[in-house]
Amino acid sequence: MGDIGLTPMTLAMAREFRDDEGADALLALVLERAGDNRDAAIISRHASLPVTAEGPLKNIPFGVKDNIDCLPFATTGGTTALSEYMPTEDAPPVARLKAAGGYVPVKLNLHELAFGITSNNAAHGPVRNPFDPARVAGGSSGGNATAIARGVIPFALGADTGGSTRIPAAFCGIAGFRPSTGRYPDGGVLTLSTTRDTIGPMAVTCADLAEIDALIVEEPSDPAPSQALRIGVLRAKAGLSAPVDIAMDEVFAKLGSAAGITLVALEVPEFDDLDARFGNTIVLYEAFGVWTRFARDMAGISLAEFADMIASPDVRGIFQALPDIAAKEAAAYARAIAHDLPDLRTAYARLYSDHALDLIAMPTVSVQPPLIGEDEMMQTDLGLRPTFPTVAANTALATLTGAPSLAVPAGMDRDGLPVSLMIEAMPGQDRFLLLLGQRIERILAG
């Protein structure tokens, strides 16, 4: 096969290169590409080919976001405060992929401690967008997306609290998956929210994501269903970016004209501004408890001392404010867990039954990637807007309903930047969603 070029590397391409050139040559290619670190995607490298198990991923490299435990690497969370924090075992999804024959030559940069959506990391440098280095790659799994888009590795494991696998996938033109909450085995992650966090894979295509998911949950990969589909369409956040809106109009026109697909326009006010209403309360309250215990038990210091060691000003400010936030938000947190979350999940299920829907769809992100430095506010067609809620407006829904959510590459806008369609299903319908994602991916590419 020879050199596969500086293009994204699917699993099929990686296997072909391994078979034609050898496993050592594939590792050498990965390390060569990882050495070109101008995008700050690579935090650390492991230069020897380990003995890998027999299996479908035999001698196939993959990446791991650096808030997930993976031996022989430290788990730094992208902060120098944890540069020496060594796990004792792999996170369970990492272990299952290694048991299938894969190995990890690189750990990847992120928004510091995964608390943001730009991956503008003051400790290790900003993760740059592969299509425009003046823009962010998205976060918090930004290093994953850039490394996959630039062909360093064929896939990577990220973690998603508010959109952290799907936002960078959208900004970098790849596929990103958030499984149903609780689908993957727990543990081995620097957690922010016990309610909202999950590991999720990122890859070039939805087909590769389906294979990776099947290996993590140890399920067979079924053929894609060929049934007629009813897809509910949410476009509540249009108007922020004309290039994205125009591109998404074309995406929905393609879907609407495809055989066997019916689109249903939806307006669901209950889904608007979820983070501002109660999602942020859940994350911040739970993060206070998680990180207070972590700082004490694993680092032997107070949360305040740990916060002072964080390099990125936005993240440091959040950690310094966590005690006051937790004290003020205790009642709101209890109400969110007891009432707001159940009410949202009831409304989500009712939407499917009332409209006889198979999936819902929306733009993964309704704006182009922010410029590096637009951490707090970003420019949109409607003026300056707060960056985090603007970028994460659509991705928050699945993190609160517990539903599976898939970012599907959907072409380019008029400025040459990727656009992405997000599709979601009912909780537990992960295989259904991943297989239909492949069908939709073919339609959009066709």
Protein backbone atom coordinates (compact mmCIF):
# COMPACT_ATOMS: atom_id res chain seq x y z
CA MET A 1 0.00 0.00 0.00
CA GLY A 2 2.88 2.39 0.72
CA ASP A 3 2.49 5.62 2.67
CA ILE A 4 -1.14 6.56 3.25
CA GLY A 5 -0.43 10.28 3.10
CA LEU A 6 -1.32 13.06 5.51
CA THR A 7 -5.01 12.21 5.43
CA PRO A 8 -7.35 10.76 8.06
CA MET A 9 -6.64 7.07 8.64
CA THR A 10 -9.65 4.76 8.85
CA LEU A 11 -9.39 1.38 10.53
CA ALA A 12 -9.38 -0.25 7.10
CA MET A 13 -6.46 1.94 6.01
CA ALA A 14 -4.54 1.19 9.20
CA ARG A 15 -5.04 -2.56 8.75
CA GLU A 16 -3.97 -2.42 5.12
CA PHE A 17 -0.83 -0.47 5.98
CA ARG A 18 -0.05 -2.91 8.82
CA ASP A 19 -0.51 -5.91 6.51
CA ASP A 20 1.51 -4.42 3.64
CA GLU A 21 4.29 -2.66 5.54
CA GLY A 22 4.31 -4.34 8.96
CA ALA A 23 3.25 -3.35 12.45
CA ASP A 24 6.59 -1.65 13.18
CA ALA A 25 6.20 0.53 10.09
CA LEU A 26 2.71 1.56 11.20
CA LEU A 27 4.04 2.55 14.62
CA ALA A 28 6.87 4.49 12.99
CA LEU A 29 4.34 6.36 10.85
CA VAL A 30 2.26 7.25 13.93
CA LEU A 31 5.31 8.50 15.82
CA GLU A 32 6.52 10.48 12.81
CA ARG A 33 3.19 12.25 12.56
CA ALA A 34 2.99 12.69 16.32
CA GLY A 35 6.39 14.38 16.22
CA ASP A 36 4.95 17.17 14.10
CA ASN A 37 3.36 18.72 17.16
CA ARG A 38 2.51 22.21 15.95
CA ASP A 39 -1.16 21.61 16.80
CA ALA A 40 -0.26 20.67 20.41
CA ALA A 41 -2.34 17.49 20.11
CA ILE A 42 0.24 15.11 21.59
CA ILE A 43 1.06 15.26 25.30
CA SER A 44 3.24 12.13 25.50
CA ARG A 45 4.46 9.27 23.30
CA HIS A 46 5.44 5.66 23.85
CA ALA A 47 7.97 4.59 21.25
CA SER A 48 7.98 0.78 21.41
CA LEU A 49 5.48 -1.64 19.95
CA PRO A 50 4.04 -3.63 22.87
CA VAL A 51 3.09 -7.27 22.69
CA THR A 52 -0.58 -7.09 21.83
CA ALA A 53 -3.35 -9.63 22.18
CA GLU A 54 -4.76 -11.49 19.22
CA GLY A 55 -7.98 -9.90 18.08
CA PRO A 56 -9.64 -7.62 15.53
CA LEU A 57 -7.39 -4.69 16.53
CA LYS A 58 -4.13 -6.69 16.42
CA ASN A 59 -1.28 -4.11 16.34
CA ILE A 60 -3.66 -1.22 15.57
CA PRO A 61 -2.70 2.03 17.39
CA PHE A 62 -5.23 4.31 19.02
CA GLY A 63 -5.09 7.47 21.11
CA VAL A 64 -6.39 8.26 24.58
CA LYS A 65 -7.42 11.63 25.97
CA ASP A 66 -5.17 12.47 28.90
CA ASN A 67 -7.91 12.38 31.53
CA ILE A 68 -8.39 8.62 30.99
CA ASP A 69 -6.15 6.05 32.71
CA CYS A 70 -3.91 4.18 30.27
CA LEU A 71 -0.68 2.44 31.23
CA PRO A 72 2.24 3.17 30.93
CA PHE A 73 1.26 6.86 30.84
CA ALA A 74 0.55 9.32 33.62
CA THR A 75 -3.01 10.67 33.72
CA THR A 76 -2.39 14.41 33.80
CA GLY A 77 -5.74 15.86 32.80
CA GLY A 78 -3.75 18.27 30.68
CA THR A 79 -2.46 20.07 33.78
CA THR A 80 1.06 20.19 35.16
CA ALA A 81 -0.48 19.84 38.63
CA LEU A 82 -0.96 16.12 37.86
CA SER A 83 2.15 15.51 35.76
CA GLU A 84 3.26 12.70 38.12
CA TYR A 85 -0.13 11.12 38.72
CA MET A 86 0.27 7.46 37.69
CA PRO A 87 -2.72 5.12 37.48
CA THR A 88 -2.46 1.52 38.63
CA GLU A 89 -4.53 0.04 35.80
CA ASP A 90 -6.22 0.92 32.53
CA ALA A 91 -9.70 2.39 32.43
CA PRO A 92 -12.04 -0.51 31.55
CA PRO A 93 -12.79 0.64 27.95
CA VAL A 94 -9.04 1.02 27.33
CA ALA A 95 -8.45 -2.46 28.72
CA ARG A 96 -11.10 -3.96 26.45
CA LEU A 97 -9.60 -2.37 23.34
CA LYS A 98 -6.14 -3.58 24.35
CA ALA A 99 -7.60 -7.06 24.86
CA ALA A 100 -8.85 -6.84 21.25
CA GLY A 101 -5.24 -6.30 20.11
CA GLY A 102 -4.97 -2.52 20.08
CA TYR A 103 -2.24 -0.47 21.74
CA VAL A 104 -1.75 3.17 22.72
CA PRO A 105 1.35 5.03 21.44
CA VAL A 106 0.09 8.55 22.31
CA LYS A 107 -1.89 10.45 24.91
CA LEU A 108 -3.67 13.55 23.72
CA ASN A 109 -4.16 17.12 24.85
CA LEU A 110 -7.45 18.55 26.09
CA HIS A 111 -9.01 21.58 27.67
CA GLU A 112 -7.28 21.63 31.04
CA LEU A 113 -9.03 19.14 33.37
CA ALA A 114 -11.73 18.80 30.66
CA PHE A 115 -13.49 21.92 31.97
CA GLY A 116 -14.15 23.73 28.68
CA ILE A 117 -14.94 23.44 24.98
CA THR A 118 -12.01 25.20 23.25
CA SER A 119 -8.95 23.11 24.29
CA ASN A 120 -7.05 26.37 24.62
CA ASN A 121 -4.78 24.83 27.24
CA ALA A 122 -2.39 27.23 29.01
CA ALA A 123 -0.26 24.36 30.34
CA HIS A 124 0.41 22.56 27.04
CA GLY A 125 -0.61 25.06 24.39
CA PRO A 126 -3.82 25.47 22.38
CA VAL A 127 -5.04 22.58 20.26
CA ARG A 128 -5.31 24.11 16.80
CA ASN A 129 -7.97 23.36 14.24
CA PRO A 130 -6.50 21.33 11.35
CA PHE A 131 -8.53 23.37 8.82
CA ASP A 132 -7.60 26.80 10.23
CA PRO A 133 -4.81 27.04 12.83
CA ALA A 134 -6.15 30.39 14.03
CA ARG A 135 -9.24 28.57 15.32
CA VAL A 136 -9.77 26.09 18.13
CA ALA A 137 -10.19 22.37 17.58
CA GLY A 138 -13.05 22.26 20.09
CA GLY A 139 -13.06 20.58 23.43
CA SER A 140 -12.59 19.19 25.71
CA SER A 141 -11.32 16.24 23.60
CA GLY A 142 -9.59 18.58 21.14
CA GLY A 143 -6.33 16.66 20.90
CA ASN A 144 -8.25 13.52 19.89
CA ALA A 145 -10.04 15.26 17.05
CA THR A 146 -6.95 16.96 15.65
CA ALA A 147 -4.85 13.79 15.85
CA ILE A 148 -7.51 11.78 14.02
CA ALA A 149 -8.16 14.48 11.41
CA ARG A 150 -4.43 14.73 10.67
CA GLY A 151 -4.03 10.95 10.37
CA VAL A 152 -1.88 10.38 13.45
CA ILE A 153 -4.11 7.57 14.71
CA PRO A 154 -7.31 5.96 13.36
CA PHE A 155 -9.39 6.46 16.49
CA ALA A 156 -9.22 7.66 20.08
CA LEU A 157 -11.13 7.50 23.34
CA GLY A 158 -12.42 10.78 24.70
CA ALA A 159 -14.79 11.73 27.51
CA ASP A 160 -18.01 13.72 27.23
CA THR A 161 -19.65 15.80 29.97
CA GLY A 162 -21.38 18.50 27.94
CA GLY A 163 -20.36 17.65 24.38
CA SER A 164 -16.65 16.95 24.65
CA THR A 165 -16.47 14.12 22.09
CA ARG A 166 -18.97 15.63 19.64
CA ILE A 167 -17.96 19.32 19.58
CA PRO A 168 -14.31 18.70 18.55
CA ALA A 169 -15.46 16.00 16.12
CA ALA A 170 -17.73 18.58 14.50
CA PHE A 171 -15.03 21.25 14.31
CA CYS A 172 -12.44 18.83 12.86
CA GLY A 173 -14.58 16.94 10.34
CA ILE A 174 -14.62 13.52 12.00
CA ALA A 175 -17.21 11.34 13.78
CA GLY A 176 -17.75 11.45 17.55
CA PHE A 177 -19.96 9.31 19.76
CA ARG A 178 -21.45 9.79 23.21
CA PRO A 179 -22.94 6.43 24.28
CA SER A 180 -25.98 6.13 26.52
CA THR A 181 -24.93 7.12 30.02
CA GLY A 182 -23.83 3.96 31.82
CA ARG A 183 -23.31 1.91 28.67
CA TYR A 184 -19.53 1.67 29.13
CA PRO A 185 -17.95 0.25 32.29
CA ASP A 186 -17.14 2.87 34.91
CA GLY A 187 -13.86 4.07 36.38
CA GLY A 188 -10.44 5.24 35.31
CA VAL A 189 -11.39 8.81 34.37
CA LEU A 190 -10.73 12.19 35.98
CA THR A 191 -14.43 12.84 36.48
CA LEU A 192 -16.29 16.13 36.52
CA SER A 193 -19.89 14.97 36.89
CA THR A 194 -21.02 11.54 38.03
CA THR A 195 -24.42 12.25 36.46
CA ARG A 196 -23.24 13.45 33.04
CA ASP A 197 -19.78 11.99 32.32
CA THR A 198 -19.05 9.09 30.00
CA ILE A 199 -16.13 7.87 27.89
CA GLY A 200 -16.86 8.01 24.17
CA PRO A 201 -14.92 7.04 21.03
CA MET A 202 -13.96 9.32 18.14
CA ALA A 203 -12.95 8.13 14.65
CA VAL A 204 -12.93 9.04 10.98
CA THR A 205 -16.25 7.34 10.16
CA CYS A 206 -19.40 6.11 11.85
CA ALA A 207 -18.57 2.58 10.68
CA ASP A 208 -15.34 2.68 12.69
CA LEU A 209 -17.22 3.99 15.72
CA ALA A 210 -19.68 1.10 15.46
CA GLU A 211 -16.82 -1.41 15.48
CA ILE A 212 -15.11 0.25 18.46
CA ASP A 213 -18.36 0.41 20.42
CA ALA A 214 -19.01 -3.28 19.78
CA LEU A 215 -15.56 -4.14 21.14
CA ILE A 216 -16.00 -2.04 24.28
CA VAL A 217 -19.39 -3.53 25.15
CA GLU A 218 -18.43 -6.94 23.71
CA GLU A 219 -21.45 -7.10 21.44
CA PRO A 220 -21.66 -8.32 17.83
CA SER A 221 -21.99 -5.71 15.09
CA ASP A 222 -25.37 -6.16 13.41
CA PRO A 223 -26.27 -5.20 9.83
CA ALA A 224 -27.75 -1.73 9.42
CA PRO A 225 -31.54 -1.57 9.47
CA SER A 226 -33.15 -0.67 6.14
CA GLN A 227 -36.48 0.53 7.49
CA ALA A 228 -38.17 3.80 6.61
CA LEU A 229 -37.14 6.50 9.09
CA ARG A 230 -38.90 9.42 10.72
CA ILE A 231 -36.36 11.97 11.93
CA GLY A 232 -37.33 14.95 14.06
CA VAL A 233 -35.37 18.10 13.20
CA LEU A 234 -34.42 20.76 15.76
CA ARG A 235 -33.01 24.06 14.42
CA ALA A 236 -33.63 26.38 17.38
CA LYS A 237 -30.17 28.01 17.33
CA ALA A 238 -30.07 29.08 13.67
CA GLY A 239 -28.97 32.64 12.84
CA LEU A 240 -25.62 32.65 14.63
CA SER A 241 -23.54 31.76 11.56
CA ALA A 242 -24.71 32.14 7.96
CA PRO A 243 -22.08 29.69 6.57
CA VAL A 244 -23.18 26.99 9.02
CA ASP A 245 -26.89 27.66 8.44
CA ILE A 246 -26.51 27.47 4.64
CA ALA A 247 -24.51 24.25 4.87
CA MET A 248 -27.04 22.69 7.27
CA ASP A 249 -29.91 23.67 4.94
CA GLU A 250 -28.16 21.60 2.27
CA VAL A 251 -27.65 18.71 4.70
CA PHE A 252 -31.34 18.56 5.61
CA ALA A 253 -32.33 18.93 1.95
CA LYS A 254 -30.22 15.86 1.14
CA LEU A 255 -31.75 13.90 3.98
CA GLY A 256 -35.27 14.98 3.11
CA SER A 257 -34.89 13.86 -0.50
CA ALA A 258 -33.38 10.47 0.38
CA ALA A 259 -35.53 7.41 -0.13
CA GLY A 260 -37.20 6.14 3.01
CA ILE A 261 -36.55 9.21 5.18
CA THR A 262 -39.23 11.59 6.43
CA LEU A 263 -38.19 14.76 8.26
CA VAL A 264 -40.45 16.24 10.93
CA ALA A 265 -39.83 19.86 11.99
CA LEU A 266 -39.87 20.23 15.77
CA GLU A 267 -40.05 23.09 18.25
CA VAL A 268 -39.35 21.96 21.81
CA PRO A 269 -38.93 24.85 24.26
CA GLU A 270 -38.19 22.37 27.07
CA PHE A 271 -34.85 21.67 25.37
CA ASP A 272 -33.65 25.28 25.29
CA ASP A 273 -30.88 26.62 27.55
CA LEU A 274 -30.59 23.39 29.56
CA ASP A 275 -27.18 24.18 31.01
CA ALA A 276 -28.25 27.61 32.22
CA ARG A 277 -31.44 26.20 33.75
CA PHE A 278 -29.95 23.28 35.68
CA GLY A 279 -27.21 21.45 33.75
CA ASN A 280 -24.38 23.65 35.00
CA THR A 281 -25.64 23.29 38.57
CA ILE A 282 -25.30 19.50 38.31
CA VAL A 283 -21.76 19.64 36.93
CA LEU A 284 -20.41 22.27 39.31
CA TYR A 285 -21.97 20.79 42.43
CA GLU A 286 -20.72 17.29 41.62
CA ALA A 287 -17.29 18.56 40.54
CA PHE A 288 -16.84 20.19 43.96
CA GLY A 289 -17.31 16.85 45.73
CA VAL A 290 -15.26 14.83 43.24
CA TRP A 291 -12.28 17.18 43.20
CA THR A 292 -12.27 17.94 46.91
CA ARG A 293 -11.90 14.20 47.55
CA PHE A 294 -9.36 13.77 44.74
CA ALA A 295 -7.11 16.61 45.92
CA ARG A 296 -7.18 15.26 49.48
CA ASP A 297 -6.85 11.53 48.80
CA MET A 298 -4.62 11.46 45.72
CA ALA A 299 -2.54 14.63 46.04
CA GLY A 300 -2.63 15.25 49.79
CA ILE A 301 -3.62 18.90 49.40
CA SER A 302 -6.73 21.04 49.70
CA LEU A 303 -8.95 21.94 46.77
CA ALA A 304 -7.82 25.56 47.09
CA GLU A 305 -4.16 24.53 46.87
CA PHE A 306 -4.91 22.36 43.85
CA ALA A 307 -6.85 25.18 42.15
CA ASP A 308 -3.89 27.54 42.47
CA MET A 309 -1.76 25.08 40.46
CA ILE A 310 -4.06 25.15 37.38
CA ALA A 311 -2.55 27.06 34.45
CA SER A 312 -5.60 28.03 32.36
CA PRO A 313 -7.27 31.13 33.84
CA ASP A 314 -10.81 30.02 32.97
CA VAL A 315 -10.39 26.61 34.61
CA ARG A 316 -8.51 27.99 37.61
CA GLY A 317 -11.33 30.47 38.20
CA ILE A 318 -13.95 27.71 38.13
CA PHE A 319 -12.05 25.54 40.60
CA GLN A 320 -11.47 28.47 42.95
CA ALA A 321 -15.19 29.22 42.89
CA LEU A 322 -16.40 25.64 43.41
CA PRO A 323 -16.79 25.82 47.23
CA ASP A 324 -18.99 28.93 47.07
CA ILE A 325 -20.96 27.55 44.11
CA ALA A 326 -21.60 24.23 45.86
CA ALA A 327 -22.80 25.99 49.04
CA LYS A 328 -25.17 28.25 47.13
CA GLU A 329 -26.46 25.58 44.74
CA ALA A 330 -27.16 22.70 47.12
CA ALA A 331 -30.94 23.18 47.02
CA ALA A 332 -30.92 23.77 43.25
CA TYR A 333 -28.88 20.59 42.77
CA ALA A 334 -31.33 18.54 44.81
CA ARG A 335 -34.22 19.96 42.78
CA ALA A 336 -32.40 19.24 39.51
CA ILE A 337 -31.82 15.59 40.41
CA ALA A 338 -35.28 15.03 41.90
CA HIS A 339 -37.41 16.98 39.40
CA ASP A 340 -35.67 18.69 36.48
CA LEU A 341 -33.87 15.60 35.14
CA PRO A 342 -36.89 13.26 35.39
CA ASP A 343 -39.13 15.89 33.79
CA LEU A 344 -36.68 16.36 30.90
CA ARG A 345 -36.36 12.63 30.33
CA THR A 346 -40.15 12.26 30.31
CA ALA A 347 -40.44 15.07 27.75
CA TYR A 348 -37.72 13.44 25.63
CA ALA A 349 -39.52 10.08 25.55
CA ARG A 350 -42.86 11.77 24.87
CA LEU A 351 -41.39 13.59 21.87
CA TYR A 352 -40.55 10.26 20.24
CA SER A 353 -43.94 8.71 20.94
CA ASP A 354 -46.02 11.77 20.01
CA HIS A 355 -44.33 12.11 16.60
CA ALA A 356 -43.54 8.42 15.97
CA LEU A 357 -39.85 9.29 15.65
CA ASP A 358 -36.88 6.97 15.16
CA LEU A 359 -34.24 9.67 15.66
CA ILE A 360 -33.88 13.38 16.26
CA ALA A 361 -31.34 15.49 14.38
CA MET A 362 -29.82 18.94 14.68
CA PRO A 363 -26.55 20.70 13.87
CA THR A 364 -23.90 19.43 16.28
CA VAL A 365 -22.74 23.04 16.65
CA SER A 366 -24.49 26.07 15.15
CA VAL A 367 -21.34 28.21 14.79
CA GLN A 368 -17.93 27.94 13.20
CA PRO A 369 -15.00 27.13 15.52
CA PRO A 370 -14.12 30.12 17.72
CA LEU A 371 -10.81 31.84 17.22
CA ILE A 372 -8.05 30.88 19.65
CA GLY A 373 -8.42 33.33 22.53
CA GLU A 374 -12.22 33.54 22.32
CA ASP A 375 -12.52 31.55 25.53
CA GLU A 376 -15.12 33.74 27.22
CA MET A 377 -16.91 35.53 24.36
CA MET A 378 -17.04 34.80 20.63
CA GLN A 379 -18.17 36.77 17.62
CA THR A 380 -21.33 35.54 15.86
CA ASP A 381 -23.65 36.99 13.23
CA LEU A 382 -25.82 38.16 16.13
CA GLY A 383 -22.92 39.89 17.88
CA LEU A 384 -20.76 38.78 20.79
CA ARG A 385 -22.07 35.73 22.61
CA PRO A 386 -20.73 33.71 25.58
CA THR A 387 -18.55 31.00 24.05
CA PHE A 388 -19.42 27.94 26.12
CA PRO A 389 -23.24 28.07 25.95
CA THR A 390 -23.13 29.13 22.31
CA VAL A 391 -20.99 26.19 21.24
CA ALA A 392 -22.56 23.60 23.57
CA ALA A 393 -26.20 24.63 23.09
CA ASN A 394 -27.19 21.47 21.21
CA THR A 395 -24.84 18.91 22.74
CA ALA A 396 -26.12 19.37 26.32
CA LEU A 397 -29.40 17.55 25.67
CA ALA A 398 -28.03 13.99 25.47
CA THR A 399 -25.82 14.50 28.51
CA LEU A 400 -28.94 15.14 30.61
CA THR A 401 -31.37 12.67 29.04
CA GLY A 402 -28.73 9.91 29.03
CA ALA A 403 -29.42 9.25 25.34
CA PRO A 404 -26.81 8.17 22.79
CA SER A 405 -25.64 10.99 20.49
CA LEU A 406 -23.58 10.84 17.33
CA ALA A 407 -21.78 13.63 15.45
CA VAL A 408 -21.76 12.72 11.75
CA PRO A 409 -19.40 14.48 9.30
CA ALA A 410 -21.57 16.51 6.91
CA GLY A 411 -19.20 18.28 4.51
CA MET A 412 -17.82 21.80 4.48
CA ASP A 413 -19.27 25.27 4.70
CA ARG A 414 -18.50 28.00 2.17
CA ASP A 415 -15.37 28.99 4.16
CA GLY A 416 -13.88 25.50 3.99
CA LEU A 417 -14.65 24.60 7.60
CA PRO A 418 -16.33 21.32 8.58
CA VAL A 419 -20.01 21.09 9.46
CA SER A 420 -21.59 18.26 11.41
CA LEU A 421 -25.01 16.69 11.82
CA MET A 422 -25.89 15.33 15.25
CA ILE A 423 -28.36 12.46 15.51
CA GLU A 424 -29.77 11.00 18.72
CA ALA A 425 -31.98 8.08 19.73
CA MET A 426 -33.72 6.88 22.86
CA PRO A 427 -31.47 5.75 25.74
CA GLY A 428 -30.20 2.22 25.15
CA GLN A 429 -30.58 2.37 21.37
CA ASP A 430 -26.85 2.80 20.77
CA ARG A 431 -26.41 0.07 18.13
CA PHE A 432 -29.47 1.32 16.26
CA LEU A 433 -28.08 4.87 16.27
CA LEU A 434 -24.57 3.87 15.17
CA LEU A 435 -25.83 1.73 12.32
CA LEU A 436 -28.23 4.41 11.09
CA GLY A 437 -25.38 6.89 11.39
CA GLN A 438 -23.55 4.91 8.72
CA ARG A 439 -26.59 5.08 6.46
CA ILE A 440 -26.89 8.85 6.95
CA GLU A 441 -23.14 9.32 6.48
CA ARG A 442 -23.39 7.61 3.06
CA ILE A 443 -26.32 9.83 2.07
CA LEU A 444 -24.46 13.01 3.01
CA ALA A 445 -21.30 11.89 1.23
CA GLY A 446 -23.20 10.73 -1.86
